[in-house]
Amino acid sequence: MLSTALAARLSARRIHYGWAVVGATFLTMLVVAGAVGAPGVFIVPLQKEYGWSAADISGALAIRFLLFGGMGPFAAAFMNRFGVRRMMLISLSIVIGGLLLSLGMTRLWQLVLLWGVVIGIGTGLTAMVLGATVATRWFGQRRGLVMGLLSASTATGQLAFLPLLAGLTESQGWRAALLLVCGAILVAALVVLLLIRDRPADLGLAPYGESQVQPAPPQPASLGALLLSPLAILCDAARVPTFWILFFSFFICGASTNGLVQTHFIPLCGDYGLAAVGAASMLAMMGLFDFVGTLASGWLSDRFDNRWLLFWYYGLRGLSLLYLPFSDFSLYSLSIFAVFYGLDWVATVPPTVKLTAQRFGPEKANIVFGWIFAGHQLGAASAALAGGVSRTVWASYMPAFVGAGLLCLIGAGLVLLINRGRQAVFAPA
């Protein structure tokens, strides 16, 4: 098997195989995020081709966001039981199937079914919990840095593909752009098949930074127990105030990123005369600065109080969103917004994962984070729908953007209420 041979070769060079797993996971999260972010380019073309309103299309995307987050805790349980590699391949297969079927859609219910339900479930089977699972399983040290790298892949994928997809949509149509996304997913699936292993113990390795090989913990014997385990963990976590603080702060995170800016920034700029390719380029710039900002966040989260990091991230994001409505939407003003907003697009993820692992333990962390991430996507779905309704009812996206900025300022204060240094005690699963 290629992974075994590569692990031996890397070990001879004193390189842990966990970094190869991170590379394959990075690519997978990158292309899945591209599939998640692509519909933001297609809103206007779909309106022109089918006559659907912004609220109609946003409703379908809201369903996708809900499922993308709601599947997270169960995806973590499936990864624990069936293996990371298998679940990654299943996820990629579902996503590419939904995208290919959508090439022939003509009715709104088909959009809801394929882009809302099918792609929502497919992407939700990995989502952000994949990064949390890889970071906590393969790394005893540098978890913050790894989570920062994998989080950056998500935002970069959501944004970096957009100029290419926008240009291809304008020249060849949205179906051609969708086929490009499908090709990228096929490449990622091949890499997963060749390189991903479920745990370091599969290769006889200890996690990076540790000396002992850690065998897989026992798993529920039945499918029913497997499906109930995330609910049981949620019941335990819900008794801990830290869980609710992280849940609602991540709700605000999702509302102010994926749901609003990723979905509605391109049509917002179109209202001010900026072409889709130009607006998508601004989003790509955000993705570039997000990559830098999230890597820096991962490095910082290994060294500083994560509560104060979250305070500054939410505060600065809120100020940048409040700045946008009062800009003139020139290249200069949008560039300022892209830099400051992009630096902390998903910089909140590494500190949130670290706080989750600290308070709920490494074995439960991926499922607890899955529930917290469900809050993120609930916020994303709410903002995606609210932005579409705002544009349809008031002919303006501005109420939604101002509201998101104010929510971020609330989130900045909320995270300081987390008690420092306490760990929750769970009943045995």
Protein backbone atom coordinates (compact mmCIF):
# COMPACT_ATOMS: atom_id res chain seq x y z
CA MET A 1 0.00 0.00 0.00
CA LEU A 2 1.35 3.43 -0.95
CA SER A 3 0.72 4.93 2.48
CA THR A 4 2.82 2.23 4.21
CA ALA A 5 5.76 2.72 1.85
CA LEU A 6 5.51 6.51 2.10
CA ALA A 7 5.32 6.36 5.89
CA ALA A 8 8.53 4.32 6.02
CA ARG A 9 10.32 6.69 3.65
CA LEU A 10 9.19 9.77 5.60
CA SER A 11 10.15 8.14 8.91
CA ALA A 12 13.67 7.58 7.57
CA ARG A 13 13.83 11.34 7.05
CA ARG A 14 12.34 11.99 10.51
CA ILE A 15 9.10 13.32 9.05
CA HIS A 16 5.91 12.12 10.70
CA TYR A 17 3.30 10.63 8.34
CA GLY A 18 0.70 12.84 9.98
CA TRP A 19 1.88 15.66 7.74
CA ALA A 20 1.02 13.59 4.64
CA VAL A 21 -2.44 12.99 6.10
CA VAL A 22 -2.75 16.72 6.68
CA GLY A 23 -1.82 17.38 3.04
CA ALA A 24 -4.45 14.96 1.69
CA THR A 25 -7.05 16.31 4.11
CA PHE A 26 -6.17 19.87 3.11
CA LEU A 27 -6.83 19.06 -0.55
CA THR A 28 -10.13 17.33 0.25
CA MET A 29 -11.41 20.17 2.41
CA LEU A 30 -10.27 22.65 -0.23
CA VAL A 31 -12.32 21.11 -3.06
CA VAL A 32 -15.34 20.34 -0.88
CA ALA A 33 -15.32 23.97 0.23
CA GLY A 34 -15.14 24.97 -3.43
CA ALA A 35 -18.33 22.98 -4.03
CA VAL A 36 -19.95 24.69 -1.04
CA GLY A 37 -18.92 28.18 -2.17
CA ALA A 38 -19.65 27.78 -5.89
CA PRO A 39 -23.42 28.57 -5.73
CA GLY A 40 -22.59 32.15 -4.73
CA VAL A 41 -21.39 32.64 -8.33
CA PHE A 42 -24.51 31.01 -9.77
CA ILE A 43 -27.26 33.06 -8.07
CA VAL A 44 -27.55 35.69 -10.79
CA PRO A 45 -27.22 33.23 -13.74
CA LEU A 46 -29.95 31.04 -12.21
CA GLN A 47 -32.19 34.08 -11.73
CA LYS A 48 -31.75 35.01 -15.40
CA GLU A 49 -32.22 31.48 -16.75
CA TYR A 50 -35.16 30.34 -14.64
CA GLY A 51 -36.68 33.52 -13.18
CA TRP A 52 -36.16 32.36 -9.59
CA SER A 53 -35.92 35.10 -6.96
CA ALA A 54 -32.95 35.66 -4.65
CA ALA A 55 -35.11 34.45 -1.75
CA ASP A 56 -35.97 31.21 -3.64
CA ILE A 57 -32.33 30.36 -4.33
CA SER A 58 -31.20 31.46 -0.86
CA GLY A 59 -33.78 29.14 0.69
CA ALA A 60 -32.21 26.14 -1.06
CA LEU A 61 -28.72 27.23 0.03
CA ALA A 62 -29.98 27.69 3.60
CA ILE A 63 -31.04 24.02 3.64
CA ARG A 64 -27.57 23.06 2.46
CA PHE A 65 -25.96 25.08 5.27
CA LEU A 66 -28.26 23.47 7.86
CA LEU A 67 -27.45 19.95 6.72
CA PHE A 68 -23.76 20.81 6.32
CA GLY A 69 -23.69 21.64 10.04
CA GLY A 70 -26.35 19.26 11.32
CA MET A 71 -24.54 16.23 9.93
CA GLY A 72 -21.33 17.20 11.75
CA PRO A 73 -21.81 15.39 15.08
CA PHE A 74 -23.01 12.23 13.31
CA ALA A 75 -20.18 12.52 10.78
CA ALA A 76 -17.73 12.50 13.70
CA ALA A 77 -19.41 9.38 15.10
CA PHE A 78 -19.29 7.71 11.67
CA MET A 79 -15.59 8.55 11.37
CA ASN A 80 -14.98 7.03 14.79
CA ARG A 81 -16.80 3.83 13.82
CA PHE A 82 -16.22 3.33 10.09
CA GLY A 83 -12.98 5.22 9.60
CA VAL A 84 -11.97 8.62 8.26
CA ARG A 85 -10.86 7.32 4.85
CA ARG A 86 -14.13 5.55 4.10
CA MET A 87 -16.27 8.50 5.16
CA MET A 88 -14.20 10.92 3.07
CA LEU A 89 -14.73 8.77 -0.03
CA ILE A 90 -18.48 8.44 0.64
CA SER A 91 -18.76 12.19 1.13
CA LEU A 92 -16.96 13.01 -2.12
CA SER A 93 -19.09 10.48 -4.03
CA ILE A 94 -22.35 12.01 -2.79
CA VAL A 95 -21.22 15.55 -3.60
CA ILE A 96 -20.10 14.75 -7.14
CA GLY A 97 -23.32 12.78 -7.74
CA GLY A 98 -25.46 15.73 -6.65
CA LEU A 99 -23.50 18.16 -8.79
CA LEU A 100 -23.69 16.00 -11.91
CA LEU A 101 -27.45 15.45 -11.51
CA SER A 102 -27.97 19.20 -11.11
CA LEU A 103 -26.66 19.81 -14.63
CA GLY A 104 -30.10 18.81 -15.91
CA MET A 105 -32.30 20.55 -13.33
CA THR A 106 -35.09 22.84 -14.56
CA ARG A 107 -37.38 23.28 -11.53
CA LEU A 108 -36.95 24.92 -8.14
CA TRP A 109 -37.68 21.70 -6.20
CA GLN A 110 -34.77 20.07 -8.01
CA LEU A 111 -32.48 22.87 -6.86
CA VAL A 112 -33.70 22.39 -3.29
CA LEU A 113 -33.25 18.60 -3.46
CA LEU A 114 -29.81 18.56 -5.14
CA TRP A 115 -28.05 21.72 -3.95
CA GLY A 116 -29.90 21.81 -0.65
CA VAL A 117 -30.38 18.23 0.56
CA VAL A 118 -27.96 16.01 -1.40
CA ILE A 119 -24.94 18.33 -1.38
CA GLY A 120 -25.75 19.41 2.17
CA ILE A 121 -25.58 15.79 3.37
CA GLY A 122 -22.51 14.99 1.26
CA THR A 123 -20.45 17.93 2.44
CA GLY A 124 -21.75 17.51 5.99
CA LEU A 125 -20.26 14.00 6.21
CA THR A 126 -16.84 15.62 6.46
CA ALA A 127 -17.31 19.37 7.11
CA MET A 128 -15.09 21.03 9.69
CA VAL A 129 -15.16 17.98 11.98
CA LEU A 130 -12.80 16.24 9.55
CA GLY A 131 -10.09 18.76 10.35
CA ALA A 132 -10.76 18.48 14.08
CA THR A 133 -10.60 14.67 13.89
CA VAL A 134 -7.29 14.64 11.99
CA ALA A 135 -5.74 17.25 14.28
CA THR A 136 -6.71 15.49 17.52
CA ARG A 137 -5.89 11.94 16.31
CA TRP A 138 -2.60 12.48 14.51
CA PHE A 139 -1.07 15.31 16.60
CA GLY A 140 -0.31 15.48 20.30
CA GLN A 141 1.58 18.72 19.62
CA ARG A 142 1.03 21.47 17.03
CA ARG A 143 -2.72 20.84 17.04
CA GLY A 144 -3.47 24.55 16.81
CA LEU A 145 -1.18 24.97 13.81
CA VAL A 146 -2.69 21.92 12.06
CA MET A 147 -6.23 23.08 12.75
CA GLY A 148 -5.31 26.52 11.46
CA LEU A 149 -3.94 25.01 8.25
CA LEU A 150 -7.02 22.82 7.68
CA SER A 151 -9.42 25.61 8.57
CA ALA A 152 -7.63 27.85 6.08
CA SER A 153 -8.18 25.23 3.39
CA THR A 154 -11.95 25.51 3.90
CA ALA A 155 -12.16 29.26 3.53
CA THR A 156 -9.55 29.33 0.79
CA GLY A 157 -11.50 26.72 -1.16
CA GLN A 158 -14.73 28.64 -0.71
CA LEU A 159 -13.16 31.83 -2.04
CA ALA A 160 -10.16 31.01 -4.25
CA PHE A 161 -12.17 29.09 -6.85
CA LEU A 162 -14.64 31.92 -7.31
CA PRO A 163 -12.79 34.14 -9.87
CA LEU A 164 -12.14 31.11 -12.08
CA LEU A 165 -15.73 29.90 -11.70
CA ALA A 166 -17.11 33.40 -12.34
CA GLY A 167 -15.02 33.83 -15.49
CA LEU A 168 -15.97 30.37 -16.75
CA THR A 169 -19.64 31.06 -15.98
CA GLU A 170 -19.58 34.30 -17.97
CA SER A 171 -17.85 32.72 -20.97
CA GLN A 172 -19.24 29.14 -21.01
CA GLY A 173 -22.19 29.12 -18.59
CA TRP A 174 -22.66 27.86 -15.04
CA ARG A 175 -22.77 24.19 -16.09
CA ALA A 176 -19.19 24.34 -17.39
CA ALA A 177 -18.05 25.84 -14.09
CA LEU A 178 -19.83 23.04 -12.24
CA LEU A 179 -17.99 20.41 -14.28
CA LEU A 180 -14.69 21.98 -13.24
CA VAL A 181 -15.65 21.52 -9.58
CA CYS A 182 -16.51 17.87 -10.31
CA GLY A 183 -13.07 17.31 -11.84
CA ALA A 184 -11.35 18.73 -8.76
CA ILE A 185 -13.40 16.43 -6.50
CA LEU A 186 -12.34 13.37 -8.53
CA VAL A 187 -8.67 14.30 -8.07
CA ALA A 188 -9.19 14.69 -4.31
CA ALA A 189 -10.92 11.29 -4.11
CA LEU A 190 -7.90 9.62 -5.75
CA VAL A 191 -5.51 11.26 -3.26
CA VAL A 192 -7.70 10.12 -0.34
CA LEU A 193 -7.76 6.57 -1.67
CA LEU A 194 -3.97 6.44 -1.90
CA LEU A 195 -2.79 8.35 1.19
CA ILE A 196 -5.35 8.57 3.98
CA ARG A 197 -5.16 6.18 6.96
CA ASP A 198 -7.61 6.32 9.83
CA ARG A 199 -5.22 6.48 12.80
CA PRO A 200 -1.45 6.61 13.45
CA ALA A 201 -1.76 3.12 15.00
CA ASP A 202 -2.67 1.74 11.55
CA LEU A 203 0.97 2.39 10.59
CA GLY A 204 2.40 1.51 13.99
CA LEU A 205 2.99 5.18 14.80
CA ALA A 206 2.36 7.33 17.83
CA PRO A 207 0.69 10.73 17.31
CA TYR A 208 3.11 13.53 16.45
CA GLY A 209 4.87 14.71 19.60
CA GLU A 210 4.00 11.60 21.64
CA SER A 211 5.91 8.39 22.33
CA GLN A 212 3.21 5.73 22.74
CA VAL A 213 1.04 4.18 20.04
CA GLN A 214 -2.63 4.75 20.89
CA PRO A 215 -5.03 1.94 19.90
CA ALA A 216 -8.51 2.79 18.70
CA PRO A 217 -11.00 3.15 21.59
CA PRO A 218 -13.94 0.70 21.75
CA GLN A 219 -16.94 1.68 19.62
CA PRO A 220 -20.69 1.08 20.09
CA ALA A 221 -21.64 -2.44 19.06
CA SER A 222 -24.83 -1.56 17.18
CA LEU A 223 -25.85 1.01 14.61
CA GLY A 224 -28.53 2.32 16.96
CA ALA A 225 -25.97 2.92 19.70
CA LEU A 226 -23.71 4.62 17.16
CA LEU A 227 -26.46 7.02 16.09
CA LEU A 228 -27.44 7.72 19.70
CA SER A 229 -23.88 8.42 20.90
CA PRO A 230 -23.77 12.01 19.50
CA LEU A 231 -27.10 12.72 21.21
CA ALA A 232 -25.82 11.30 24.50
CA ILE A 233 -22.69 13.45 24.25
CA LEU A 234 -24.84 16.49 23.43
CA CYS A 235 -26.90 15.89 26.60
CA ASP A 236 -23.69 15.87 28.66
CA ALA A 237 -22.18 18.88 26.89
CA ALA A 238 -25.40 20.90 27.18
CA ARG A 239 -24.97 20.95 30.96
CA VAL A 240 -21.71 22.86 30.58
CA PRO A 241 -22.09 26.65 30.06
CA THR A 242 -18.93 26.74 27.93
CA PHE A 243 -20.68 24.63 25.31
CA TRP A 244 -23.47 27.17 24.85
CA ILE A 245 -21.05 30.10 24.71
CA LEU A 246 -19.05 28.37 21.98
CA PHE A 247 -22.26 27.31 20.20
CA PHE A 248 -23.75 30.81 20.04
CA SER A 249 -20.44 32.49 19.23
CA PHE A 250 -20.02 30.02 16.34
CA PHE A 251 -23.61 30.79 15.27
CA ILE A 252 -22.46 34.39 14.89
CA CYS A 253 -19.33 33.22 13.05
CA GLY A 254 -21.40 31.33 10.48
CA ALA A 255 -23.89 34.15 10.05
CA SER A 256 -21.12 36.66 9.34
CA THR A 257 -19.08 34.48 6.92
CA ASN A 258 -20.51 31.57 4.91
CA GLY A 259 -24.14 32.58 5.13
CA LEU A 260 -23.80 36.26 4.33
CA VAL A 261 -20.53 37.22 2.63
CA GLN A 262 -19.84 33.97 0.77
CA THR A 263 -23.44 33.76 -0.49
CA HIS A 264 -24.38 37.38 -1.10
CA PHE A 265 -21.20 39.41 -1.59
CA ILE A 266 -21.12 38.95 -5.39
CA PRO A 267 -24.78 39.98 -5.96
CA LEU A 268 -24.29 42.83 -3.42
CA CYS A 269 -21.41 44.19 -5.50
CA GLY A 270 -23.55 43.75 -8.62
CA ASP A 271 -26.07 46.16 -7.11
CA TYR A 272 -23.28 48.77 -7.08
CA GLY A 273 -22.15 48.11 -10.65
CA LEU A 274 -19.24 45.77 -9.97
CA ALA A 275 -19.08 42.80 -12.38
CA ALA A 276 -19.21 39.25 -11.00
CA VAL A 277 -15.59 38.52 -11.94
CA GLY A 278 -14.39 41.63 -10.09
CA ALA A 279 -16.44 40.79 -7.00
CA ALA A 280 -15.21 37.19 -7.09
CA SER A 281 -11.64 38.50 -7.27
CA MET A 282 -12.29 40.42 -4.05
CA LEU A 283 -13.49 37.20 -2.45
CA ALA A 284 -10.33 35.46 -3.68
CA MET A 285 -8.28 38.22 -2.05
CA MET A 286 -10.16 37.53 1.19
CA GLY A 287 -9.25 33.87 0.77
CA LEU A 288 -5.57 34.72 0.38
CA PHE A 289 -5.50 36.88 3.50
CA ASP A 290 -7.63 34.33 5.34
CA PHE A 291 -5.00 31.67 4.65
CA VAL A 292 -2.37 33.88 6.30
CA GLY A 293 -4.67 34.92 9.13
CA THR A 294 -5.85 31.41 9.97
CA LEU A 295 -2.34 29.96 9.97
CA ALA A 296 -1.32 32.78 12.29
CA SER A 297 -4.37 32.05 14.44
CA GLY A 298 -3.36 28.41 14.76
CA TRP A 299 0.15 29.46 15.84
CA LEU A 300 -1.25 31.98 18.32
CA SER A 301 -3.79 29.52 19.75
CA ASP A 302 -0.92 27.24 20.86
CA ARG A 303 0.61 30.13 22.82
CA PHE A 304 -2.02 32.59 24.10
CA ASP A 305 -5.38 32.66 25.89
CA ASN A 306 -7.85 31.51 23.25
CA ARG A 307 -10.70 33.53 24.76
CA TRP A 308 -8.91 36.81 24.10
CA LEU A 309 -8.00 35.70 20.59
CA LEU A 310 -11.70 35.12 19.89
CA PHE A 311 -12.56 38.50 21.43
CA TRP A 312 -10.29 40.30 18.95
CA TYR A 313 -11.35 38.17 15.97
CA TYR A 314 -15.07 38.78 16.45
CA GLY A 315 -14.56 42.44 17.32
CA LEU A 316 -12.47 43.23 14.25
CA ARG A 317 -14.80 41.26 11.98
CA GLY A 318 -17.77 43.21 13.30
CA LEU A 319 -16.06 46.53 12.67
CA SER A 320 -15.16 45.53 9.11
CA LEU A 321 -18.79 44.54 8.35
CA LEU A 322 -20.05 47.83 9.77
CA TYR A 323 -17.53 49.66 7.59
CA LEU A 324 -18.73 48.07 4.34
CA PRO A 325 -22.14 49.80 4.03
CA PHE A 326 -20.46 53.20 4.40
CA SER A 327 -17.78 52.55 1.78
CA ASP A 328 -18.17 53.72 -1.81
CA PHE A 329 -17.58 50.19 -3.22
CA SER A 330 -14.56 51.42 -5.13
CA LEU A 331 -11.58 49.16 -5.73
CA TYR A 332 -9.71 50.93 -2.93
CA SER A 333 -12.43 50.64 -0.28
CA LEU A 334 -13.30 47.03 -1.16
CA SER A 335 -9.61 46.13 -1.00
CA ILE A 336 -9.42 47.53 2.55
CA PHE A 337 -12.47 45.47 3.49
CA ALA A 338 -11.05 42.34 1.84
CA VAL A 339 -7.78 42.59 3.78
CA PHE A 340 -9.22 43.19 7.26
CA TYR A 341 -12.20 40.92 6.87
CA GLY A 342 -10.18 38.20 5.15
CA LEU A 343 -7.57 38.01 7.91
CA ASP A 344 -10.10 36.52 10.31
CA TRP A 345 -12.62 34.80 8.00
CA VAL A 346 -12.12 31.49 9.84
CA ALA A 347 -9.42 32.54 12.30
CA THR A 348 -12.03 31.72 14.96
CA VAL A 349 -11.79 27.98 14.27
CA PRO A 350 -8.41 27.03 15.87
CA PRO A 351 -9.18 28.75 19.21
CA THR A 352 -12.68 27.25 19.23
CA VAL A 353 -11.34 23.74 18.61
CA LYS A 354 -8.66 24.20 21.27
CA LEU A 355 -11.20 25.40 23.84
CA THR A 356 -13.45 22.46 22.97
CA ALA A 357 -10.63 19.92 23.40
CA GLN A 358 -9.51 21.52 26.67
CA ARG A 359 -12.98 21.44 28.22
CA PHE A 360 -14.41 18.20 26.83
CA GLY A 361 -11.35 15.96 26.34
CA PRO A 362 -9.67 14.72 23.12
CA GLU A 363 -11.86 11.60 22.62
CA LYS A 364 -15.15 13.54 22.73
CA ALA A 365 -13.80 16.73 21.18
CA ASN A 366 -14.69 15.97 17.56
CA ILE A 367 -18.33 15.14 18.36
CA VAL A 368 -18.75 18.11 20.72
CA PHE A 369 -17.16 20.35 18.10
CA GLY A 370 -19.56 18.82 15.58
CA TRP A 371 -22.47 20.17 17.63
CA ILE A 372 -20.76 23.54 17.99
CA PHE A 373 -20.21 23.56 14.22
CA ALA A 374 -23.94 22.84 13.80
CA GLY A 375 -24.47 26.20 15.49
CA HIS A 376 -22.10 27.75 12.93
CA GLN A 377 -24.14 26.39 10.06
CA LEU A 378 -27.44 27.32 11.69
CA GLY A 379 -26.13 30.88 11.72
CA ALA A 380 -24.99 30.51 8.10
CA ALA A 381 -28.41 29.25 7.02
CA SER A 382 -30.16 32.08 8.85
CA ALA A 383 -27.95 34.72 7.24
CA ALA A 384 -28.20 33.16 3.77
CA LEU A 385 -31.99 33.27 3.98
CA ALA A 386 -32.07 36.69 5.67
CA GLY A 387 -29.82 38.18 2.99
CA GLY A 388 -32.07 36.90 0.22
CA VAL A 389 -35.21 38.13 1.97
CA SER A 390 -33.58 41.52 2.62
CA ARG A 391 -32.73 41.90 -1.07
CA THR A 392 -36.21 40.76 -2.20
CA VAL A 393 -38.25 42.83 0.28
CA TRP A 394 -36.16 45.99 0.70
CA ALA A 395 -34.14 45.83 -2.56
CA SER A 396 -30.97 46.05 -0.46
CA TYR A 397 -28.54 43.73 1.30
CA MET A 398 -27.43 46.42 3.73
CA PRO A 399 -29.75 45.56 6.68
CA ALA A 400 -28.32 42.05 6.69
CA PHE A 401 -24.69 43.26 6.64
CA VAL A 402 -25.22 45.81 9.43
CA GLY A 403 -27.02 43.21 11.53
CA ALA A 404 -24.16 40.74 11.09
CA GLY A 405 -21.63 43.39 12.17
CA LEU A 406 -23.56 44.08 15.37
CA LEU A 407 -23.83 40.35 16.09
CA CYS A 408 -20.03 40.05 15.86
CA LEU A 409 -19.57 42.74 18.49
CA ILE A 410 -21.94 40.81 20.77
CA GLY A 411 -19.93 37.64 20.12
CA ALA A 412 -16.71 39.43 21.11
CA GLY A 413 -18.10 40.07 24.57
CA LEU A 414 -19.70 36.64 24.86
CA VAL A 415 -16.48 34.61 24.54
CA LEU A 416 -14.91 36.34 27.54
CA LEU A 417 -17.52 34.62 29.74
CA ILE A 418 -15.84 31.25 29.19
CA ASN A 419 -14.32 29.94 32.42
CA ARG A 420 -10.61 29.44 31.99
CA GLY A 421 -8.97 26.07 32.61
CA ARG A 422 -11.96 23.92 33.56
CA GLN A 423 -12.60 20.55 31.91
CA ALA A 424 -15.98 18.89 31.73
CA VAL A 425 -16.38 15.38 33.09
CA PHE A 426 -18.47 13.04 30.94
CA ALA A 427 -20.26 9.90 31.96
CA PRO A 428 -18.87 6.83 30.17
CA ALA A 429 -20.33 6.46 26.66
